[in-house]
C-alpha atoms as a PDB file:
ATOM      1  CA  MET A   1      92.756 115.103 135.151  1.00  0.00           C
ATOM      2  CA  VAL A   2      90.584 111.943 134.327  1.00  0.00           C
ATOM      3  CA  ARG A   3      92.598 108.791 133.723  1.00  0.00           C
ATOM      4  CA  LEU A   4      90.926 107.117 130.690  1.00  0.00           C
ATOM      5  CA  ARG A   5      92.238 103.753 131.657  1.00  0.00           C
ATOM      6  CA  ASP A   6      90.152 103.993 134.937  1.00  0.00           C
ATOM      7  CA  LEU A   7      86.919 104.353 132.828  1.00  0.00           C
ATOM      8  CA  ASP A   8      84.553 101.594 131.654  1.00  0.00           C
ATOM      9  CA  LEU A   9      84.941 102.068 127.794  1.00  0.00           C
ATOM     10  CA  ALA A  10      82.119  99.869 126.686  1.00  0.00           C
ATOM     11  CA  ARG A  11      79.706 101.436 129.262  1.00  0.00           C
ATOM     12  CA  HIS A  12      80.736 105.009 128.093  1.00  0.00           C
ATOM     13  CA  LEU A  13      80.276 104.002 124.525  1.00  0.00           C
ATOM     14  CA  ALA A  14      76.860 102.576 125.146  1.00  0.00           C
ATOM     15  CA  ASP A  15      75.505 105.364 127.198  1.00  0.00           C
ATOM     16  CA  PRO A  16      74.777 108.579 125.428  1.00  0.00           C
ATOM     17  CA  ALA A  17      74.866 110.509 128.895  1.00  0.00           C
ATOM     18  CA  LEU A  18      78.278 109.021 129.732  1.00  0.00           C
ATOM     19  CA  LYS A  19      80.087 109.094 126.275  1.00  0.00           C
ATOM     20  CA  PRO A  20      81.071 112.850 126.410  1.00  0.00           C
ATOM     21  CA  HIS A  21      82.583 112.260 129.594  1.00  0.00           C
ATOM     22  CA  PHE A  22      85.093 109.782 127.905  1.00  0.00           C
ATOM     23  CA  VAL A  23      85.399 111.449 124.480  1.00  0.00           C
ATOM     24  CA  THR A  24      85.940 115.026 125.712  1.00  0.00           C
ATOM     25  CA  PRO A  25      88.920 114.409 128.150  1.00  0.00           C
ATOM     26  CA  MET A  26      90.390 111.917 125.515  1.00  0.00           C
ATOM     27  CA  PHE A  27      90.457 114.734 122.855  1.00  0.00           C
ATOM     28  CA  ASP A  28      91.838 117.344 125.415  1.00  0.00           C
ATOM     29  CA  LEU A  29      94.647 114.689 126.118  1.00  0.00           C
ATOM     30  CA  VAL A  30      95.521 114.076 122.509  1.00  0.00           C
ATOM     31  CA  ALA A  31      95.493 117.466 121.097  1.00  0.00           C
ATOM     32  CA  PRO A  32      98.946 118.213 121.258  1.00  0.00           C
ATOM     33  CA  ARG A  33      99.780 115.262 118.894  1.00  0.00           C
ATOM     34  CA  TYR A  34      96.489 114.746 117.143  1.00  0.00           C
ATOM     35  CA  ASP A  35      97.744 115.946 113.745  1.00  0.00           C
ATOM     36  CA  ASP A  36     100.836 113.849 113.879  1.00  0.00           C
ATOM     37  CA  PHE A  37      98.670 110.798 114.742  1.00  0.00           C
ATOM     38  CA  THR A  38      96.147 111.455 111.847  1.00  0.00           C
ATOM     39  CA  ARG A  39      98.984 111.718 109.373  1.00  0.00           C
ATOM     40  CA  VAL A  40     100.991 108.634 110.681  1.00  0.00           C
ATOM     41  CA  PHE A  41      97.980 106.480 111.292  1.00  0.00           C
ATOM     42  CA  SER A  42      96.329 107.078 107.970  1.00  0.00           C
ATOM     43  CA  PHE A  43      99.711 106.708 106.002  1.00  0.00           C
ATOM     44  CA  GLY A  44      99.276 110.277 104.914  1.00  0.00           C
ATOM     45  CA  MET A  45      95.862 109.634 103.457  1.00  0.00           C
ATOM     46  CA  ASP A  46      94.046 111.781 105.898  1.00  0.00           C
ATOM     47  CA  ALA A  47      95.062 115.046 103.995  1.00  0.00           C
ATOM     48  CA  HIS A  48      93.967 113.636 100.647  1.00  0.00           C
ATOM     49  CA  TRP A  49      90.467 112.654 102.019  1.00  0.00           C
ATOM     50  CA  LYS A  50      90.085 116.145 103.558  1.00  0.00           C
ATOM     51  CA  ALA A  51      91.031 117.811 100.438  1.00  0.00           C
ATOM     52  CA  GLU A  52      88.492 115.632  98.580  1.00  0.00           C
ATOM     53  CA  LEU A  53      85.875 116.716 101.092  1.00  0.00           C
ATOM     54  CA  VAL A  54      86.467 120.372 100.310  1.00  0.00           C
ATOM     55  CA  ARG A  55      86.685 119.932  96.623  1.00  0.00           C
ATOM     56  CA  LEU A  56      83.154 118.259  96.767  1.00  0.00           C
ATOM     57  CA  VAL A  57      81.784 121.050  99.065  1.00  0.00           C
ATOM     58  CA  LEU A  58      83.057 123.658  96.305  1.00  0.00           C
ATOM     59  CA  GLN A  59      81.540 121.385  93.602  1.00  0.00           C
ATOM     60  CA  HIS A  60      78.103 121.012  95.173  1.00  0.00           C
ATOM     61  CA  SER A  61      77.477 124.172  97.324  1.00  0.00           C
ATOM     62  CA  GLU A  62      75.496 126.707  95.456  1.00  0.00           C
ATOM     63  CA  ARG A  63      76.604 129.336  97.861  1.00  0.00           C
ATOM     64  CA  CYS A  64      78.823 129.420 101.007  1.00  0.00           C
ATOM     65  CA  ASP A  65      78.376 132.575 102.859  1.00  0.00           C
ATOM     66  CA  SER A  66      78.160 130.799 106.048  1.00  0.00           C
ATOM     67  CA  ALA A  67      79.749 127.428 107.147  1.00  0.00           C
ATOM     68  CA  LEU A  68      79.935 125.333 110.363  1.00  0.00           C
ATOM     69  CA  ASP A  69      82.571 122.896 111.015  1.00  0.00           C
ATOM     70  CA  ALA A  70      81.424 120.533 113.719  1.00  0.00           C
ATOM     71  CA  ALA A  71      83.960 118.974 116.092  1.00  0.00           C
ATOM     72  CA  CYS A  72      86.442 120.784 114.278  1.00  0.00           C
ATOM     73  CA  GLY A  73      89.451 119.390 116.150  1.00  0.00           C
ATOM     74  CA  THR A  74      92.582 121.426 115.086  1.00  0.00           C
ATOM     75  CA  GLY A  75      90.651 123.449 112.690  1.00  0.00           C
ATOM     76  CA  ASP A  76      92.082 122.021 109.335  1.00  0.00           C
ATOM     77  CA  LEU A  77      88.786 121.499 107.646  1.00  0.00           C
ATOM     78  CA  ALA A  78      87.225 124.929 108.774  1.00  0.00           C
ATOM     79  CA  LEU A  79      90.350 126.737 107.745  1.00  0.00           C
ATOM     80  CA  ALA A  80      90.417 124.932 104.438  1.00  0.00           C
ATOM     81  CA  VAL A  81      86.849 125.869 103.652  1.00  0.00           C
ATOM     82  CA  ALA A  82      87.564 129.622 104.679  1.00  0.00           C
ATOM     83  CA  LEU A  83      90.688 129.776 102.349  1.00  0.00           C
ATOM     84  CA  ALA A  84      88.781 127.970  99.501  1.00  0.00           C
ATOM     85  CA  ARG A  85      85.807 130.405  99.779  1.00  0.00           C
ATOM     86  CA  PRO A  86      87.165 133.833 100.525  1.00  0.00           C
ATOM     87  CA  ASN A  87      83.737 135.395 101.376  1.00  0.00           C
ATOM     88  CA  ALA A  88      82.608 132.525 103.764  1.00  0.00           C
ATOM     89  CA  ALA A  89      82.127 133.155 107.549  1.00  0.00           C
ATOM     90  CA  VAL A  90      82.982 129.755 109.203  1.00  0.00           C
ATOM     91  CA  THR A  91      82.133 128.870 112.840  1.00  0.00           C
ATOM     92  CA  ALA A  92      84.414 125.978 114.139  1.00  0.00           C
ATOM     93  CA  ILE A  93      82.857 124.126 117.116  1.00  0.00           C
ATOM     94  CA  ASP A  94      84.427 121.523 119.324  1.00  0.00           C
ATOM     95  CA  ALA A  95      83.763 120.399 122.729  1.00  0.00           C
ATOM     96  CA  SER A  96      87.443 120.145 123.612  1.00  0.00           C
ATOM     97  CA  ARG A  97      89.111 123.291 124.816  1.00  0.00           C
ATOM     98  CA  GLU A  98      92.521 121.929 124.018  1.00  0.00           C
ATOM     99  CA  MET A  99      91.529 121.169 120.391  1.00  0.00           C
ATOM    100  CA  LEU A 100      89.948 124.626 120.115  1.00  0.00           C
ATOM    101  CA  ALA A 101      93.298 126.253 121.547  1.00  0.00           C
ATOM    102  CA  PHE A 102      95.058 124.547 118.650  1.00  0.00           C
ATOM    103  CA  ALA A 103      92.520 125.529 116.013  1.00  0.00           C
ATOM    104  CA  ARG A 104      92.861 129.135 117.004  1.00  0.00           C
ATOM    105  CA  MET A 105      96.857 128.867 116.728  1.00  0.00           C
ATOM    106  CA  ARG A 106      96.122 127.416 113.271  1.00  0.00           C
ATOM    107  CA  VAL A 107      93.989 130.190 112.252  1.00  0.00           C
ATOM    108  CA  GLU A 108      96.271 132.879 113.483  1.00  0.00           C
ATOM    109  CA  ALA A 109      99.199 131.384 111.607  1.00  0.00           C
ATOM    110  CA  ALA A 110      97.018 131.200 108.451  1.00  0.00           C
ATOM    111  CA  THR A 111      96.891 134.988 108.362  1.00  0.00           C
ATOM    112  CA  ALA A 112     100.208 135.227 106.507  1.00  0.00           C
ATOM    113  CA  GLN A 113      98.330 133.588 103.641  1.00  0.00           C
ATOM    114  CA  ASP A 114      95.106 135.444 104.103  1.00  0.00           C
ATOM    115  CA  SER A 115      95.347 138.515 106.272  1.00  0.00           C
ATOM    116  CA  GLY A 116      91.614 138.515 106.711  1.00  0.00           C
ATOM    117  CA  VAL A 117      90.998 134.767 107.417  1.00  0.00           C
ATOM    118  CA  ALA A 118      91.122 135.420 111.247  1.00  0.00           C
ATOM    119  CA  SER A 119      88.030 137.654 111.108  1.00  0.00           C
ATOM    120  CA  ARG A 120      86.289 134.988 109.129  1.00  0.00           C
ATOM    121  CA  VAL A 121      86.824 131.928 111.458  1.00  0.00           C
ATOM    122  CA  SER A 122      85.192 131.960 114.873  1.00  0.00           C
ATOM    123  CA  CYS A 123      86.222 128.946 117.131  1.00  0.00           C
ATOM    124  CA  GLN A 124      83.695 128.255 119.796  1.00  0.00           C
ATOM    125  CA  GLU A 125      83.297 125.632 122.419  1.00  0.00           C
ATOM    126  CA  GLY A 126      80.055 123.668 121.547  1.00  0.00           C
ATOM    127  CA  ASP A 127      78.621 120.205 121.150  1.00  0.00           C
ATOM    128  CA  LEU A 128      77.276 118.418 118.123  1.00  0.00           C
ATOM    129  CA  GLY A 129      73.843 117.958 119.969  1.00  0.00           C
ATOM    130  CA  ALA A 130      73.372 121.574 120.322  1.00  0.00           C
ATOM    131  CA  LEU A 131      74.820 123.587 117.552  1.00  0.00           C
ATOM    132  CA  PRO A 132      75.392 127.316 117.913  1.00  0.00           C
ATOM    133  CA  ALA A 133      73.342 128.312 114.905  1.00  0.00           C
ATOM    134  CA  ALA A 134      69.759 129.225 114.215  1.00  0.00           C
ATOM    135  CA  ASP A 135      67.420 127.201 112.144  1.00  0.00           C
ATOM    136  CA  ALA A 136      68.073 126.673 108.298  1.00  0.00           C
ATOM    137  CA  SER A 137      70.816 129.436 108.776  1.00  0.00           C
ATOM    138  CA  VAL A 138      74.147 127.735 107.533  1.00  0.00           C
ATOM    139  CA  ASP A 139      75.052 126.942 103.830  1.00  0.00           C
ATOM    140  CA  VAL A 140      77.488 124.358 104.582  1.00  0.00           C
ATOM    141  CA  VAL A 141      78.164 121.926 107.334  1.00  0.00           C
ATOM    142  CA  THR A 142      81.439 120.071 107.365  1.00  0.00           C
ATOM    143  CA  ALA A 143      82.371 117.059 109.926  1.00  0.00           C
ATOM    144  CA  GLY A 144      85.521 115.348 109.932  1.00  0.00           C
ATOM    145  CA  TYR A 145      85.579 112.266 112.289  1.00  0.00           C
ATOM    146  CA  ALA A 146      82.671 113.912 114.208  1.00  0.00           C
ATOM    147  CA  PHE A 147      79.510 111.962 114.172  1.00  0.00           C
ATOM    148  CA  ARG A 148      81.140 108.853 115.321  1.00  0.00           C
ATOM    149  CA  ASN A 149      82.087 110.777 118.509  1.00  0.00           C
ATOM    150  CA  ALA A 150      78.602 112.178 119.130  1.00  0.00           C
ATOM    151  CA  ALA A 151      76.856 111.189 122.411  1.00  0.00           C
ATOM    152  CA  ALA A 152      74.006 109.924 120.026  1.00  0.00           C
ATOM    153  CA  LEU A 153      74.150 109.548 116.257  1.00  0.00           C
ATOM    154  CA  ALA A 154      70.726 110.284 115.009  1.00  0.00           C
ATOM    155  CA  PRO A 155      70.098 113.110 117.102  1.00  0.00           C
ATOM    156  CA  ALA A 156      73.433 114.697 116.242  1.00  0.00           C
ATOM    157  CA  VAL A 157      72.412 114.387 112.487  1.00  0.00           C
ATOM    158  CA  ALA A 158      69.086 115.877 113.123  1.00  0.00           C
ATOM    159  CA  GLU A 159      70.997 118.758 114.797  1.00  0.00           C
ATOM    160  CA  ALA A 160      72.917 119.257 111.690  1.00  0.00           C
ATOM    161  CA  ALA A 161      69.755 119.254 109.521  1.00  0.00           C
ATOM    162  CA  ARG A 162      67.998 121.760 111.527  1.00  0.00           C
ATOM    163  CA  VAL A 163      70.804 124.497 111.043  1.00  0.00           C
ATOM    164  CA  THR A 164      71.408 123.782 107.455  1.00  0.00           C
ATOM    165  CA  ARG A 165      69.147 125.834 105.180  1.00  0.00           C
ATOM    166  CA  PRO A 166      67.138 124.228 102.305  1.00  0.00           C
ATOM    167  CA  GLY A 167      69.568 123.609  99.494  1.00  0.00           C
ATOM    168  CA  GLY A 168      72.393 123.951 101.815  1.00  0.00           C
ATOM    169  CA  VAL A 169      75.238 121.016 101.732  1.00  0.00           C
ATOM    170  CA  ILE A 170      76.661 118.797 104.581  1.00  0.00           C
ATOM    171  CA  ALA A 171      79.981 117.037 103.941  1.00  0.00           C
ATOM    172  CA  VAL A 172      81.055 114.271 106.165  1.00  0.00           C
ATOM    173  CA  LEU A 173      84.392 112.360 106.516  1.00  0.00           C
ATOM    174  CA  ASP A 174      84.465 109.586 108.835  1.00  0.00           C
ATOM    175  CA  PHE A 175      85.383 106.075 109.818  1.00  0.00           C
ATOM    176  CA  TYR A 176      82.664 103.314 109.389  1.00  0.00           C
ATOM    177  CA  ARG A 177      82.260  99.708 110.150  1.00  0.00           C
ATOM    178  CA  PRO A 178      83.035  97.603 106.979  1.00  0.00           C
ATOM    179  CA  ALA A 179      80.334  95.386 105.993  1.00  0.00           C
ATOM    180  CA  PHE A 180      82.707  92.640 104.907  1.00  0.00           C
ATOM    181  CA  GLY A 181      83.418  90.493 107.866  1.00  0.00           C
ATOM    182  CA  PRO A 182      86.804  89.430 107.243  1.00  0.00           C
ATOM    183  CA  TRP A 183      88.013  92.911 106.266  1.00  0.00           C
ATOM    184  CA  ARG A 184      86.238  94.198 109.238  1.00  0.00           C
ATOM    185  CA  LEU A 185      88.102  91.929 111.458  1.00  0.00           C
ATOM    186  CA  ALA A 186      91.503  92.802 110.074  1.00  0.00           C
ATOM    187  CA  PHE A 187      90.674  96.540 109.807  1.00  0.00           C
ATOM    188  CA  LEU A 188      89.771  96.927 113.410  1.00  0.00           C
ATOM    189  CA  SER A 189      92.514  94.536 114.640  1.00  0.00           C
ATOM    190  CA  TYR A 190      95.033  96.804 112.938  1.00  0.00           C
ATOM    191  CA  LEU A 191      93.370 100.220 114.309  1.00  0.00           C
ATOM    192  CA  ARG A 192      93.199  98.660 118.065  1.00  0.00           C
ATOM    193  CA  ALA A 193      96.836  97.345 117.877  1.00  0.00           C
ATOM    194  CA  ALA A 194      98.385 100.370 116.337  1.00  0.00           C
ATOM    195  CA  GLY A 195      96.059 102.690 118.346  1.00  0.00           C
ATOM    196  CA  ASN A 196      97.031 101.094 121.651  1.00  0.00           C
ATOM    197  CA  VAL A 197     100.828 101.249 120.783  1.00  0.00           C
ATOM    198  CA  PHE A 198     100.701 105.153 119.855  1.00  0.00           C
ATOM    199  CA  GLY A 199      98.340 105.902 122.776  1.00  0.00           C
ATOM    200  CA  TRP A 200     100.875 104.210 125.340  1.00  0.00           C
ATOM    201  CA  TRP A 201     104.047 105.663 123.530  1.00  0.00           C
ATOM    202  CA  TRP A 202     102.799 109.263 123.343  1.00  0.00           C
ATOM    203  CA  HIS A 203     100.306 109.615 126.059  1.00  0.00           C
ATOM    204  CA  GLY A 204     100.831 106.866 128.661  1.00  0.00           C
ATOM    205  CA  GLU A 205      97.162 105.947 127.824  1.00  0.00           C
ATOM    206  CA  PRO A 206      96.739 103.006 125.394  1.00  0.00           C
ATOM    207  CA  VAL A 207      93.107 103.634 124.887  1.00  0.00           C
ATOM    208  CA  ALA A 208      93.500 107.209 123.722  1.00  0.00           C
ATOM    209  CA  TYR A 209      93.937 105.953 120.150  1.00  0.00           C
ATOM    210  CA  GLY A 210      92.785 102.361 120.803  1.00  0.00           C
ATOM    211  CA  TYR A 211      89.491 103.902 121.299  1.00  0.00           C
ATOM    212  CA  ILE A 212      89.082 104.470 117.555  1.00  0.00           C
ATOM    213  CA  ALA A 213      88.537 100.634 116.897  1.00  0.00           C
ATOM    214  CA  HIS A 214      85.935 100.556 119.575  1.00  0.00           C
ATOM    215  CA  SER A 215      84.143 103.426 118.345  1.00  0.00           C
ATOM    216  CA  ILE A 216      83.922 102.064 114.710  1.00  0.00           C
ATOM    217  CA  GLN A 217      82.675  98.678 116.153  1.00  0.00           C
ATOM    218  CA  ALA A 218      79.834 100.695 117.761  1.00  0.00           C
ATOM    219  CA  HIS A 219      79.317 102.907 114.702  1.00  0.00           C
ATOM    220  CA  VAL A 220      77.337 102.343 111.518  1.00  0.00           C
ATOM    221  CA  SER A 221      78.336 101.271 108.057  1.00  0.00           C
ATOM    222  CA  SER A 222      78.684 103.910 105.246  1.00  0.00           C
ATOM    223  CA  ASP A 223      75.293 102.609 103.702  1.00  0.00           C
ATOM    224  CA  ASP A 224      73.684 102.963 107.024  1.00  0.00           C
ATOM    225  CA  PHE A 225      74.862 106.461 107.311  1.00  0.00           C
ATOM    226  CA  SER A 226      73.544 107.204 103.908  1.00  0.00           C
ATOM    227  CA  GLU A 227      70.097 106.078 104.913  1.00  0.00           C
ATOM    228  CA  LEU A 228      70.154 108.156 108.238  1.00  0.00           C
ATOM    229  CA  LEU A 229      71.028 111.332 106.250  1.00  0.00           C
ATOM    230  CA  GLU A 230      68.022 110.522 103.862  1.00  0.00           C
ATOM    231  CA  ARG A 231      65.681 110.098 106.898  1.00  0.00           C
ATOM    232  CA  SER A 232      66.965 113.115 108.449  1.00  0.00           C
ATOM    233  CA  GLY A 233      65.908 115.434 105.414  1.00  0.00           C
ATOM    234  CA  PHE A 234      69.006 115.329 103.257  1.00  0.00           C
ATOM    235  CA  ASP A 235      69.144 113.914  99.650  1.00  0.00           C
ATOM    236  CA  VAL A 236      72.687 112.040  99.316  1.00  0.00           C
ATOM    237  CA  LEU A 237      74.600 113.368  96.387  1.00  0.00           C
ATOM    238  CA  GLU A 238      77.745 111.478  96.635  1.00  0.00           C
ATOM    239  CA  CYS A 239      79.412 108.726  98.795  1.00  0.00           C
ATOM    240  CA  ARG A 240      82.910 108.182  98.349  1.00  0.00           C
ATOM    241  CA  ARG A 241      84.331 105.080 100.223  1.00  0.00           C
ATOM    242  CA  PHE A 242      87.911 104.454 100.888  1.00  0.00           C
ATOM    243  CA  LEU A 243      89.848 101.581 102.427  1.00  0.00           C
ATOM    244  CA  LEU A 244      86.856  99.132 101.402  1.00  0.00           C
ATOM    245  CA  GLY A 245      84.257 100.961 103.249  1.00  0.00           C
ATOM    246  CA  GLY A 246      86.365 101.745 106.269  1.00  0.00           C
ATOM    247  CA  VAL A 247      86.402 105.314 105.609  1.00  0.00           C
ATOM    248  CA  ALA A 248      83.779 107.306 103.478  1.00  0.00           C
ATOM    249  CA  ILE A 249      82.770 110.810 102.593  1.00  0.00           C
ATOM    250  CA  HIS A 250      79.258 111.725 102.301  1.00  0.00           C
ATOM    251  CA  VAL A 251      77.944 114.740 100.690  1.00  0.00           C
ATOM    252  CA  ALA A 252      74.259 115.406 100.891  1.00  0.00           C
ATOM    253  CA  ARG A 253      71.788 118.464  99.962  1.00  0.00           C
ATOM    254  CA  ARG A 254      69.003 119.677 102.546  1.00  0.00           C
ATOM    255  CA  ARG A 255      65.770 119.048 101.280  1.00  0.00           C
ATOM    256  CA  ALA A 256      63.073 122.072 101.185  1.00  0.00           C
END
């Protein structure tokens, strides 16, 4: 198994060819505790943010016969969309096989609530840079903490635009680099310190969660991401900011 501490994080974040070789093993490592970590690390706000994303998808999508959850993690967003839209066929993709294993277990467990959900949610190994869908074939694309971890941001957003049909919706929840300098310093300092503690405590790898602060520092602001969506063929419908711009939900519609 790759030891994350032996990898040059700055070099891997800066090089699109190397980044997946850090990110995928990291998510394989943290998969068993990922849901616990997101709840603790966000002081419970993660569940609220994801519920708000699903609510906005329901509000803005004209139809949702087909949905794709990019970098699905343990499958909570994919499952939430499937349960909210009983006719939707949802494809959940992730590059981490360990994350996909937990996503499949979550879908199977949900059959007690909806006996047909297992047949409507498909979990597949896949990459943000090459989504397993035909051009203009998907009604809704969701992405929770996904694009920040893509090998290259603009090509990943362009790939999401490729698969989204005209009039379809993309909904993205992620961390962003706060624009206000003093808050950015405090925000990233907290994420780095807390992430290192939990990474060492739970996995023996401080960078497993300390990576989050580094990835945000290398990421864009929420305003920059809105502009990228517009350049990629979307019209931004809403941008909901939390934690003074450290977290945001973007909802955008694919232009014809």
